[in-house]
């Protein structure tokens, strides 16, 4: 049996298209939710205009060395962050989003060079229920 492992030494990723970045982001959201349910206590994602950070705490601390930053690069931007405190935090007891607000439940990715924008909407249970 032959297997390969990739080691990320730069602690960041680079993406070429909005669709590729959105797919990776949705996978990271699901991974953080799964970690909250299986490892606990809480895992989350904090969003900024050029990156998002994976963290394992009830609140995001930018100085925590265990955060994992995903830098979008290639001109991609997180153009709209419509979330409480610019983050999603999953509870270990239910996998639901802590402090969820139905009126603040979307994030948009944009490639300014082409004007392409994709927005996802998430519900209290971490389900991405709409893409635009």
N, C-alpha and C. Protein backbone atom coordinates (compact mmCIF):
# COMPACT_ATOMS: atom_id res chain seq x y z
N UNK A 1 0.84 -1.17 0.00
CA UNK A 1 0.00 0.00 0.00
C UNK A 1 0.89 1.24 0.00
N UNK A 2 0.58 2.17 -0.85
CA UNK A 2 1.34 3.40 -0.98
C UNK A 2 0.48 4.56 -0.52
N UNK A 3 1.03 5.41 0.33
CA UNK A 3 0.26 6.57 0.77
C UNK A 3 1.14 7.80 0.74
N UNK A 4 0.50 8.95 0.64
CA UNK A 4 1.20 10.22 0.60
C UNK A 4 0.67 11.12 1.70
N UNK A 5 1.55 11.90 2.26
CA UNK A 5 1.15 12.89 3.25
C UNK A 5 1.67 14.25 2.81
N UNK A 6 0.85 15.26 2.99
CA UNK A 6 1.26 16.63 2.71
C UNK A 6 1.40 17.35 4.04
N UNK A 7 2.50 18.04 4.20
CA UNK A 7 2.74 18.79 5.42
C UNK A 7 2.71 20.27 5.07
N UNK A 8 1.90 21.01 5.76
CA UNK A 8 1.79 22.44 5.53
C UNK A 8 2.70 23.15 6.50
N UNK A 9 3.82 23.67 6.01
CA UNK A 9 4.76 24.35 6.89
C UNK A 9 4.55 25.85 6.92
N UNK A 10 3.81 26.39 5.97
CA UNK A 10 3.61 27.84 5.93
C UNK A 10 2.38 28.28 6.71
N UNK A 11 1.55 27.36 7.15
CA UNK A 11 0.33 27.65 7.89
C UNK A 11 -0.63 28.53 7.10
N UNK A 12 -0.59 28.44 5.79
CA UNK A 12 -1.55 29.17 4.96
C UNK A 12 -1.76 28.44 3.65
N UNK A 13 -2.86 28.77 2.98
CA UNK A 13 -3.18 28.19 1.69
C UNK A 13 -3.36 29.33 0.70
N UNK A 14 -3.25 29.03 -0.58
CA UNK A 14 -3.51 30.02 -1.61
C UNK A 14 -4.54 29.45 -2.57
N UNK A 15 -5.50 30.28 -2.99
CA UNK A 15 -6.59 29.82 -3.83
C UNK A 15 -6.61 30.61 -5.14
N UNK A 16 -7.15 30.02 -6.19
CA UNK A 16 -7.18 30.66 -7.48
C UNK A 16 -8.56 31.20 -7.83
N UNK A 17 -9.62 30.52 -7.45
CA UNK A 17 -10.96 30.95 -7.82
C UNK A 17 -11.86 31.09 -6.59
N UNK A 18 -12.94 31.83 -6.77
CA UNK A 18 -13.91 31.99 -5.69
C UNK A 18 -14.52 30.64 -5.33
N UNK A 19 -14.85 29.83 -6.35
CA UNK A 19 -15.45 28.52 -6.09
C UNK A 19 -14.51 27.62 -5.29
N UNK A 20 -13.23 27.61 -5.64
CA UNK A 20 -12.25 26.79 -4.92
C UNK A 20 -12.13 27.24 -3.46
N UNK A 21 -12.04 28.55 -3.26
CA UNK A 21 -11.93 29.09 -1.90
C UNK A 21 -13.19 28.80 -1.09
N UNK A 22 -14.36 28.95 -1.72
CA UNK A 22 -15.62 28.69 -1.02
C UNK A 22 -15.73 27.22 -0.63
N UNK A 23 -15.35 26.33 -1.53
CA UNK A 23 -15.39 24.89 -1.24
C UNK A 23 -14.48 24.57 -0.05
N UNK A 24 -13.27 25.12 -0.04
CA UNK A 24 -12.34 24.88 1.07
C UNK A 24 -12.88 25.46 2.37
N UNK A 25 -13.47 26.64 2.30
CA UNK A 25 -14.05 27.27 3.49
C UNK A 25 -15.18 26.43 4.07
N UNK A 26 -16.06 25.95 3.23
CA UNK A 26 -17.17 25.11 3.70
C UNK A 26 -16.64 23.83 4.34
N UNK A 27 -15.61 23.23 3.74
CA UNK A 27 -14.99 22.05 4.34
C UNK A 27 -14.39 22.37 5.71
N UNK A 28 -13.76 23.53 5.83
CA UNK A 28 -13.18 23.93 7.12
C UNK A 28 -14.27 24.18 8.16
N UNK A 29 -15.39 24.74 7.76
CA UNK A 29 -16.52 24.94 8.68
C UNK A 29 -17.00 23.59 9.21
N UNK A 30 -17.19 22.64 8.31
CA UNK A 30 -17.65 21.30 8.72
C UNK A 30 -16.63 20.62 9.63
N UNK A 31 -15.35 20.79 9.32
CA UNK A 31 -14.29 20.19 10.14
C UNK A 31 -14.30 20.78 11.55
N UNK A 32 -14.46 22.09 11.67
CA UNK A 32 -14.50 22.73 12.99
C UNK A 32 -15.72 22.26 13.79
N UNK A 33 -16.85 22.09 13.11
CA UNK A 33 -18.05 21.59 13.78
C UNK A 33 -17.83 20.16 14.27
N UNK A 34 -17.23 19.34 13.44
CA UNK A 34 -16.95 17.95 13.82
C UNK A 34 -15.99 17.89 15.01
N UNK A 35 -14.97 18.74 15.02
CA UNK A 35 -14.03 18.77 16.14
C UNK A 35 -14.73 19.18 17.43
N UNK A 36 -15.64 20.15 17.35
CA UNK A 36 -16.38 20.57 18.54
C UNK A 36 -17.18 19.40 19.11
N UNK A 37 -17.79 18.62 18.23
CA UNK A 37 -18.61 17.49 18.68
C UNK A 37 -17.78 16.32 19.21
N UNK A 38 -16.63 16.07 18.60
CA UNK A 38 -15.85 14.88 18.96
C UNK A 38 -14.72 15.14 19.94
N UNK A 39 -14.15 16.34 19.91
CA UNK A 39 -13.01 16.65 20.77
C UNK A 39 -13.40 17.62 21.87
N UNK A 40 -14.16 18.67 21.48
CA UNK A 40 -14.61 19.69 22.41
C UNK A 40 -13.48 20.56 22.91
N UNK A 41 -13.70 21.57 23.70
CA UNK A 41 -15.02 22.04 24.06
C UNK A 41 -15.68 22.86 22.95
N UNK A 42 -14.98 23.81 22.35
CA UNK A 42 -15.56 24.62 21.28
C UNK A 42 -14.51 24.86 20.20
N UNK A 43 -14.95 24.88 18.97
CA UNK A 43 -14.08 25.18 17.83
C UNK A 43 -14.79 26.21 16.97
N UNK A 44 -14.00 27.09 16.35
CA UNK A 44 -14.62 28.13 15.55
C UNK A 44 -13.77 28.62 14.41
N UNK A 45 -14.35 29.58 13.68
CA UNK A 45 -13.70 30.22 12.55
C UNK A 45 -13.91 31.72 12.69
N UNK A 46 -12.81 32.47 12.64
CA UNK A 46 -12.86 33.93 12.69
C UNK A 46 -12.53 34.46 11.30
N UNK A 47 -13.31 35.43 10.82
CA UNK A 47 -13.15 35.95 9.46
C UNK A 47 -12.57 37.36 9.46
N UNK A 48 -11.65 37.60 8.54
CA UNK A 48 -11.12 38.93 8.25
C UNK A 48 -11.13 39.09 6.73
N UNK A 49 -10.79 40.26 6.23
CA UNK A 49 -10.94 40.51 4.79
C UNK A 49 -10.04 39.66 3.91
N UNK A 50 -8.85 39.30 4.36
CA UNK A 50 -7.93 38.55 3.51
C UNK A 50 -7.65 37.12 4.00
N UNK A 51 -8.26 36.73 5.11
CA UNK A 51 -8.01 35.40 5.66
C UNK A 51 -9.14 34.99 6.59
N UNK A 52 -9.13 33.70 6.95
CA UNK A 52 -9.95 33.24 8.06
C UNK A 52 -9.08 32.38 8.94
N UNK A 53 -9.40 32.34 10.22
CA UNK A 53 -8.59 31.63 11.20
C UNK A 53 -9.41 30.56 11.89
N UNK A 54 -8.85 29.36 11.96
CA UNK A 54 -9.46 28.26 12.69
C UNK A 54 -8.92 28.30 14.11
N UNK A 55 -9.80 28.17 15.09
CA UNK A 55 -9.36 28.23 16.48
C UNK A 55 -10.15 27.25 17.33
N UNK A 56 -9.59 26.91 18.50
CA UNK A 56 -10.27 25.98 19.40
C UNK A 56 -10.44 26.61 20.78
N UNK A 57 -11.51 27.41 20.86
CA UNK A 57 -11.83 28.12 22.09
C UNK A 57 -13.25 28.65 21.97
N UNK A 58 -13.78 29.14 23.06
CA UNK A 58 -15.11 29.74 23.04
C UNK A 58 -15.07 31.10 22.34
N UNK A 59 -13.92 31.79 22.43
CA UNK A 59 -13.75 33.08 21.76
C UNK A 59 -12.42 33.10 21.02
N UNK A 60 -12.35 33.90 19.99
CA UNK A 60 -11.14 34.03 19.18
C UNK A 60 -10.15 34.96 19.87
N UNK A 61 -8.88 34.52 19.93
CA UNK A 61 -7.79 35.33 20.46
C UNK A 61 -6.71 35.37 19.38
N UNK A 62 -6.52 36.53 18.76
CA UNK A 62 -5.58 36.63 17.65
C UNK A 62 -4.14 36.29 18.05
N UNK A 63 -3.82 36.31 19.32
CA UNK A 63 -2.46 36.02 19.78
C UNK A 63 -2.24 34.55 20.13
N UNK A 64 -3.28 33.73 20.02
CA UNK A 64 -3.15 32.31 20.34
C UNK A 64 -2.35 31.61 19.25
N UNK A 65 -1.23 31.00 19.63
CA UNK A 65 -0.34 30.37 18.64
C UNK A 65 -0.94 29.11 18.03
N UNK A 66 -2.00 28.57 18.61
CA UNK A 66 -2.61 27.37 18.03
C UNK A 66 -3.62 27.70 16.93
N UNK A 67 -3.91 28.98 16.70
CA UNK A 67 -4.78 29.36 15.59
C UNK A 67 -4.14 28.92 14.28
N UNK A 68 -4.97 28.57 13.31
CA UNK A 68 -4.47 28.20 11.98
C UNK A 68 -5.09 29.17 10.98
N UNK A 69 -4.25 30.02 10.39
CA UNK A 69 -4.72 31.03 9.45
C UNK A 69 -4.73 30.49 8.03
N UNK A 70 -5.83 30.72 7.33
CA UNK A 70 -5.94 30.38 5.92
C UNK A 70 -6.00 31.70 5.17
N UNK A 71 -4.91 32.03 4.48
CA UNK A 71 -4.80 33.27 3.73
C UNK A 71 -5.33 33.02 2.33
N UNK A 72 -6.29 33.82 1.90
CA UNK A 72 -6.92 33.60 0.60
C UNK A 72 -5.97 33.87 -0.55
N UNK A 73 -5.27 34.98 -0.54
CA UNK A 73 -4.32 35.30 -1.59
C UNK A 73 -4.96 35.45 -2.96
N UNK A 74 -4.14 35.58 -3.98
CA UNK A 74 -4.57 35.65 -5.38
C UNK A 74 -5.66 36.69 -5.61
N UNK A 75 -5.69 37.76 -4.82
CA UNK A 75 -6.67 38.82 -4.99
C UNK A 75 -8.02 38.54 -4.38
N UNK A 76 -8.24 37.34 -3.86
CA UNK A 76 -9.52 37.02 -3.24
C UNK A 76 -9.70 37.80 -1.94
N UNK A 77 -10.95 38.14 -1.66
CA UNK A 77 -11.27 38.86 -0.43
C UNK A 77 -12.53 38.30 0.19
N UNK A 78 -12.57 38.35 1.51
CA UNK A 78 -13.84 38.12 2.20
C UNK A 78 -14.48 39.50 2.25
N UNK A 79 -15.42 39.72 1.35
CA UNK A 79 -15.93 41.07 1.11
C UNK A 79 -17.06 41.47 2.04
N UNK A 80 -17.76 40.51 2.57
CA UNK A 80 -18.84 40.82 3.50
C UNK A 80 -18.87 39.74 4.58
N UNK A 81 -18.77 40.17 5.82
CA UNK A 81 -18.85 39.26 6.96
C UNK A 81 -20.07 39.67 7.76
N UNK A 82 -21.12 38.91 7.65
CA UNK A 82 -22.37 39.23 8.34
C UNK A 82 -22.61 38.17 9.41
N UNK A 83 -21.75 38.22 10.45
CA UNK A 83 -21.79 37.27 11.56
C UNK A 83 -21.53 38.03 12.86
N UNK A 84 -22.12 37.58 13.97
CA UNK A 84 -21.79 38.19 15.26
C UNK A 84 -20.29 38.03 15.55
N UNK A 85 -19.62 39.10 15.88
CA UNK A 85 -18.18 39.12 16.19
C UNK A 85 -17.33 38.57 15.05
N UNK A 86 -17.85 38.55 13.84
CA UNK A 86 -17.12 38.07 12.65
C UNK A 86 -16.64 36.63 12.80
N UNK A 87 -17.42 35.80 13.50
CA UNK A 87 -16.99 34.42 13.70
C UNK A 87 -18.16 33.47 13.86
N UNK A 88 -17.83 32.20 13.66
CA UNK A 88 -18.74 31.08 13.90
C UNK A 88 -18.07 30.23 14.95
N UNK A 89 -18.77 29.95 16.06
CA UNK A 89 -18.23 29.09 17.11
C UNK A 89 -19.24 27.97 17.36
N UNK A 90 -18.75 26.73 17.27
CA UNK A 90 -19.61 25.56 17.47
C UNK A 90 -19.52 25.06 18.90
N UNK A 91 -20.67 24.75 19.48
CA UNK A 91 -20.77 24.21 20.83
C UNK A 91 -20.45 22.72 20.82
N UNK A 92 -19.76 22.26 21.85
CA UNK A 92 -19.42 20.83 21.93
C UNK A 92 -20.63 19.98 22.30
N UNK A 93 -21.59 20.55 22.99
CA UNK A 93 -22.73 19.75 23.44
C UNK A 93 -23.70 19.40 22.31
N UNK A 94 -23.84 20.30 21.33
CA UNK A 94 -24.83 20.06 20.28
C UNK A 94 -24.28 20.20 18.86
N UNK A 95 -23.13 20.84 18.71
CA UNK A 95 -22.61 21.13 17.38
C UNK A 95 -23.27 22.34 16.76
N UNK A 96 -24.20 22.97 17.50
CA UNK A 96 -24.88 24.17 17.00
C UNK A 96 -23.96 25.38 17.17
N UNK A 97 -24.29 26.44 16.46
CA UNK A 97 -23.50 27.67 16.53
C UNK A 97 -23.90 28.45 17.78
N UNK A 98 -22.90 28.77 18.61
CA UNK A 98 -23.13 29.60 19.79
C UNK A 98 -23.51 31.01 19.36
N UNK A 99 -24.39 31.65 20.11
CA UNK A 99 -24.80 33.04 19.87
C UNK A 99 -25.28 33.27 18.44
N UNK A 100 -25.99 32.30 17.89
CA UNK A 100 -26.47 32.42 16.51
C UNK A 100 -27.51 33.52 16.38
N UNK A 101 -27.45 34.27 15.29
CA UNK A 101 -28.41 35.33 14.99
C UNK A 101 -28.87 35.13 13.55
N UNK A 102 -30.15 34.83 13.36
CA UNK A 102 -30.70 34.57 12.02
C UNK A 102 -30.48 35.74 11.07
N UNK A 103 -30.38 36.94 11.60
CA UNK A 103 -30.15 38.12 10.76
C UNK A 103 -28.70 38.36 10.43
N UNK A 104 -27.81 37.58 11.05
CA UNK A 104 -26.37 37.69 10.80
C UNK A 104 -25.83 36.30 10.54
N UNK A 105 -25.97 35.83 9.31
CA UNK A 105 -25.63 34.43 9.05
C UNK A 105 -25.03 34.19 7.67
N UNK A 106 -24.25 35.17 7.16
CA UNK A 106 -23.69 34.99 5.83
C UNK A 106 -22.28 35.55 5.72
N UNK A 107 -21.56 35.03 4.73
CA UNK A 107 -20.21 35.49 4.40
C UNK A 107 -20.09 35.49 2.89
N UNK A 108 -19.45 36.53 2.35
CA UNK A 108 -19.26 36.64 0.90
C UNK A 108 -17.77 36.64 0.56
N UNK A 109 -17.42 35.91 -0.49
CA UNK A 109 -16.07 35.91 -1.05
C UNK A 109 -16.12 36.59 -2.40
N UNK A 110 -15.13 37.44 -2.70
CA UNK A 110 -15.11 38.19 -3.94
C UNK A 110 -13.73 38.15 -4.58
N UNK A 111 -13.71 38.08 -5.90
CA UNK A 111 -12.49 38.24 -6.69
C UNK A 111 -12.65 39.57 -7.43
N UNK A 112 -12.09 40.66 -6.89
CA UNK A 112 -12.31 41.99 -7.47
C UNK A 112 -11.90 42.10 -8.95
N UNK A 113 -10.89 41.37 -9.37
CA UNK A 113 -10.44 41.45 -10.76
C UNK A 113 -11.53 41.08 -11.75
N UNK A 114 -12.41 40.16 -11.35
CA UNK A 114 -13.49 39.72 -12.25
C UNK A 114 -14.86 40.17 -11.77
N UNK A 115 -14.94 40.62 -10.53
CA UNK A 115 -16.23 41.00 -9.96
C UNK A 115 -17.05 39.82 -9.47
N UNK A 116 -16.50 38.61 -9.57
CA UNK A 116 -17.23 37.42 -9.13
C UNK A 116 -17.36 37.41 -7.61
N UNK A 117 -18.57 37.18 -7.14
CA UNK A 117 -18.85 37.10 -5.70
C UNK A 117 -19.72 35.88 -5.43
N UNK A 118 -19.41 35.17 -4.36
CA UNK A 118 -20.22 34.05 -3.88
C UNK A 118 -20.51 34.29 -2.40
N UNK A 119 -21.77 34.08 -2.03
CA UNK A 119 -22.19 34.25 -0.65
C UNK A 119 -22.81 32.96 -0.15
N UNK A 120 -22.43 32.56 1.07
CA UNK A 120 -23.09 31.40 1.67
C UNK A 120 -23.86 31.85 2.90
N UNK A 121 -24.94 31.14 3.17
CA UNK A 121 -25.78 31.37 4.34
C UNK A 121 -25.77 30.10 5.17
N UNK A 122 -25.66 30.26 6.49
CA UNK A 122 -25.54 29.13 7.40
C UNK A 122 -26.65 29.22 8.44
N UNK A 123 -27.19 28.05 8.84
CA UNK A 123 -28.22 28.07 9.88
C UNK A 123 -27.61 27.75 11.25
N UNK A 124 -28.44 27.75 12.27
CA UNK A 124 -28.00 27.52 13.66
C UNK A 124 -27.25 26.21 13.84
N UNK A 125 -27.58 25.22 13.01
CA UNK A 125 -26.98 23.89 13.15
C UNK A 125 -25.76 23.69 12.26
N UNK A 126 -25.26 24.76 11.65
CA UNK A 126 -24.06 24.68 10.85
C UNK A 126 -24.28 24.20 9.43
N UNK A 127 -25.53 24.16 9.00
CA UNK A 127 -25.85 23.71 7.64
C UNK A 127 -25.79 24.91 6.70
N UNK A 128 -25.00 24.78 5.64
CA UNK A 128 -24.97 25.79 4.58
C UNK A 128 -26.22 25.53 3.74
N UNK A 129 -27.20 26.42 3.83
CA UNK A 129 -28.48 26.15 3.19
C UNK A 129 -28.72 26.98 1.93
N UNK A 130 -27.85 27.93 1.66
CA UNK A 130 -28.03 28.71 0.44
C UNK A 130 -26.70 29.26 -0.03
N UNK A 131 -26.46 29.17 -1.33
CA UNK A 131 -25.30 29.77 -1.97
C UNK A 131 -25.80 30.71 -3.05
N UNK A 132 -25.23 31.88 -3.12
CA UNK A 132 -25.61 32.84 -4.17
C UNK A 132 -24.37 33.28 -4.91
